[in-house]
Protein backbone atom coordinates (compact mmCIF):
# COMPACT_ATOMS: atom_id res chain seq x y z
CA UNK A 1 0.22 -0.06 -0.01
CA UNK A 2 1.14 3.38 -0.74
CA UNK A 3 2.00 6.30 1.49
CA UNK A 4 -1.09 8.11 0.15
CA UNK A 5 -3.61 5.90 0.59
CA UNK A 6 -5.74 5.51 4.17
CA UNK A 7 -7.19 2.68 5.59
CA UNK A 8 -10.77 3.18 6.94
CA UNK A 9 -11.20 0.62 9.80
CA UNK A 10 -15.18 0.21 10.80
CA UNK A 11 -15.29 -1.12 14.13
CA UNK A 12 -18.02 -1.09 16.99
CA UNK A 13 -17.74 1.69 19.74
CA UNK A 14 -15.16 0.88 23.00
CA UNK A 15 -17.95 0.74 25.31
CA UNK A 16 -21.19 -0.28 25.84
CA UNK A 17 -22.73 3.10 26.21
CA UNK A 18 -21.29 3.60 22.34
CA UNK A 19 -22.77 0.06 21.50
CA UNK A 20 -26.58 1.26 22.49
CA UNK A 21 -26.18 4.78 21.32
CA UNK A 22 -25.28 2.86 17.69
CA UNK A 23 -28.19 0.60 18.21
CA UNK A 24 -30.51 3.43 18.17
CA UNK A 25 -28.90 5.44 15.53
CA UNK A 26 -29.14 2.27 13.51
CA UNK A 27 -33.35 2.09 14.24
CA UNK A 28 -34.33 2.32 10.67
CA UNK A 29 -32.10 -0.86 9.78
CA UNK A 30 -34.36 -2.47 12.61
CA UNK A 31 -37.41 -1.54 11.17
CA UNK A 32 -36.08 -2.64 7.71
CA UNK A 33 -35.19 -5.87 9.00
CA UNK A 34 -38.12 -6.59 10.80
CA UNK A 35 -40.67 -5.32 7.75
CA UNK A 36 -38.13 -7.42 5.14
CA UNK A 37 -38.68 -10.94 7.30
CA UNK A 38 -42.49 -10.32 7.38
CA UNK A 39 -42.45 -9.68 3.65
CA UNK A 40 -40.51 -12.85 2.84
CA UNK A 41 -42.52 -15.09 5.65
CA UNK A 42 -46.03 -13.98 3.84
CA UNK A 43 -44.99 -13.29 0.16
CA UNK A 44 -47.48 -15.19 -2.26
CA UNK A 45 -48.85 -17.27 0.46
CA UNK A 46 -52.04 -18.18 1.64
CA UNK A 47 -51.47 -20.92 4.24
CA UNK A 48 -48.81 -18.85 5.90
CA UNK A 49 -51.37 -16.51 7.10
CA UNK A 50 -53.63 -19.21 8.05
CA UNK A 51 -51.21 -21.28 9.51
CA UNK A 52 -50.10 -18.26 11.81
CA UNK A 53 -53.58 -17.79 13.21
CA UNK A 54 -54.72 -21.46 13.00
CA UNK A 55 -51.90 -23.28 15.05
CA UNK A 56 -52.51 -21.43 18.28
CA UNK A 57 -56.51 -22.10 18.06
CA UNK A 58 -55.61 -25.43 17.41
CA UNK A 59 -53.54 -25.58 20.34
CA UNK A 60 -56.00 -24.07 22.44
CA UNK A 61 -58.78 -26.32 21.17
CA UNK A 62 -56.33 -29.47 21.78
CA UNK A 63 -55.05 -28.05 25.58
CA UNK A 64 -58.66 -27.20 26.33
CA UNK A 65 -59.91 -30.93 25.57
CA UNK A 66 -57.26 -32.65 27.41
CA UNK A 67 -57.07 -30.67 30.52
CA UNK A 68 -60.59 -29.91 31.03
CA UNK A 69 -62.06 -32.94 29.96
CA UNK A 70 -59.96 -35.53 29.75
CA UNK A 71 -57.84 -34.73 33.09
CA UNK A 72 -60.46 -32.98 34.80
CA UNK A 73 -58.23 -30.26 36.43
CA UNK A 74 -60.05 -27.47 38.09
CA UNK A 75 -59.91 -23.92 36.75
CA UNK A 76 -61.36 -22.13 39.69
CA UNK A 77 -64.34 -20.64 37.81
CA UNK A 78 -62.22 -19.17 34.75
CA UNK A 79 -63.79 -20.50 31.38
CA UNK A 80 -61.02 -23.08 30.31
CA UNK A 81 -60.19 -21.69 26.85
CA UNK A 82 -59.38 -18.42 28.42
CA UNK A 83 -57.56 -19.97 31.06
CA UNK A 84 -55.34 -21.54 28.39
CA UNK A 85 -55.16 -18.71 26.10
CA UNK A 86 -53.43 -17.02 29.36
CA UNK A 87 -50.79 -19.29 29.36
CA UNK A 88 -50.15 -20.00 25.67
CA UNK A 89 -50.25 -17.14 24.38
CA UNK A 90 -46.60 -15.82 26.38
CA UNK A 91 -45.21 -19.34 25.56
CA UNK A 92 -45.77 -19.48 22.25
CA UNK A 93 -44.51 -15.80 21.93
CA UNK A 94 -41.29 -16.84 24.12
CA UNK A 95 -40.52 -20.07 21.81
CA UNK A 96 -40.70 -18.59 18.55
CA UNK A 97 -38.94 -15.61 19.51
CA UNK A 98 -36.01 -17.88 20.94
CA UNK A 99 -36.02 -20.28 18.20
CA UNK A 100 -36.14 -17.26 15.37
CA UNK A 101 -33.29 -15.35 17.37
CA UNK A 102 -31.48 -17.73 17.25
CA UNK A 103 -31.21 -18.70 13.38
CA UNK A 104 -31.13 -15.45 12.58
CA UNK A 105 -27.45 -14.63 13.04
CA UNK A 106 -26.34 -17.71 10.90
CA UNK A 107 -28.84 -16.93 8.05
CA UNK A 108 -27.55 -13.16 7.91
CA UNK A 109 -23.74 -14.09 8.61
CA UNK A 110 -23.01 -12.89 5.13
CA UNK A 111 -24.61 -9.19 6.04
CA UNK A 112 -22.98 -9.32 9.08
CA UNK A 113 -19.32 -10.07 7.75
CA UNK A 114 -19.59 -7.13 5.23
CA UNK A 115 -20.54 -3.64 7.09
CA UNK A 116 -20.65 -2.70 10.49
CA UNK A 117 -23.98 -2.27 12.08
CA UNK A 118 -24.75 -3.21 15.94
CA UNK A 119 -25.45 -6.99 15.60
CA UNK A 120 -28.15 -7.04 18.39
CA UNK A 121 -30.47 -5.46 15.45
CA UNK A 122 -30.63 -8.81 13.46
CA UNK A 123 -32.15 -10.67 16.52
CA UNK A 124 -34.23 -8.27 18.11
CA UNK A 125 -35.92 -7.50 14.66
CA UNK A 126 -37.20 -11.18 14.86
CA UNK A 127 -38.32 -10.85 18.14
CA UNK A 128 -40.16 -8.13 16.81
CA UNK A 129 -41.56 -10.54 13.99
CA UNK A 130 -42.70 -12.72 17.04
CA UNK A 131 -44.40 -9.64 18.84
CA UNK A 132 -46.17 -8.53 15.43
CA UNK A 133 -47.74 -11.95 14.55
CA UNK A 134 -48.69 -12.91 18.33
CA UNK A 135 -50.08 -9.88 19.69
CA UNK A 136 -51.43 -7.79 16.53
CA UNK A 137 -52.40 -10.62 13.90
CA UNK A 138 -49.90 -9.50 11.34
């Protein structure tokens, strides 16, 4: 390399405070990654949306039948489908967010190795997708 050429080094902030500042600065990337995952997941598919809504409803139905009718577990006066749904919704959010966040880094390895951005944006955008699917029905 000649003397008049400079080298540009792209690296993360030196402290945790800088990292959180970078994460805020790259918030548009976070939302873009979340929107990209939604589009990829449901593009040109009917069964994807039906599956996203049908899977929790089928699980609710099976749990209600098994635990209220077959096992005869008490619900303390609360309608059993509501009791099951109150437990099932957070659990499905946690399980899908945790597995999606774990799969997000290897599946985006090409992007991670090319440019600097806060790496936390990738798994966090995956958790955002799980939140939108479970809470808002997107």
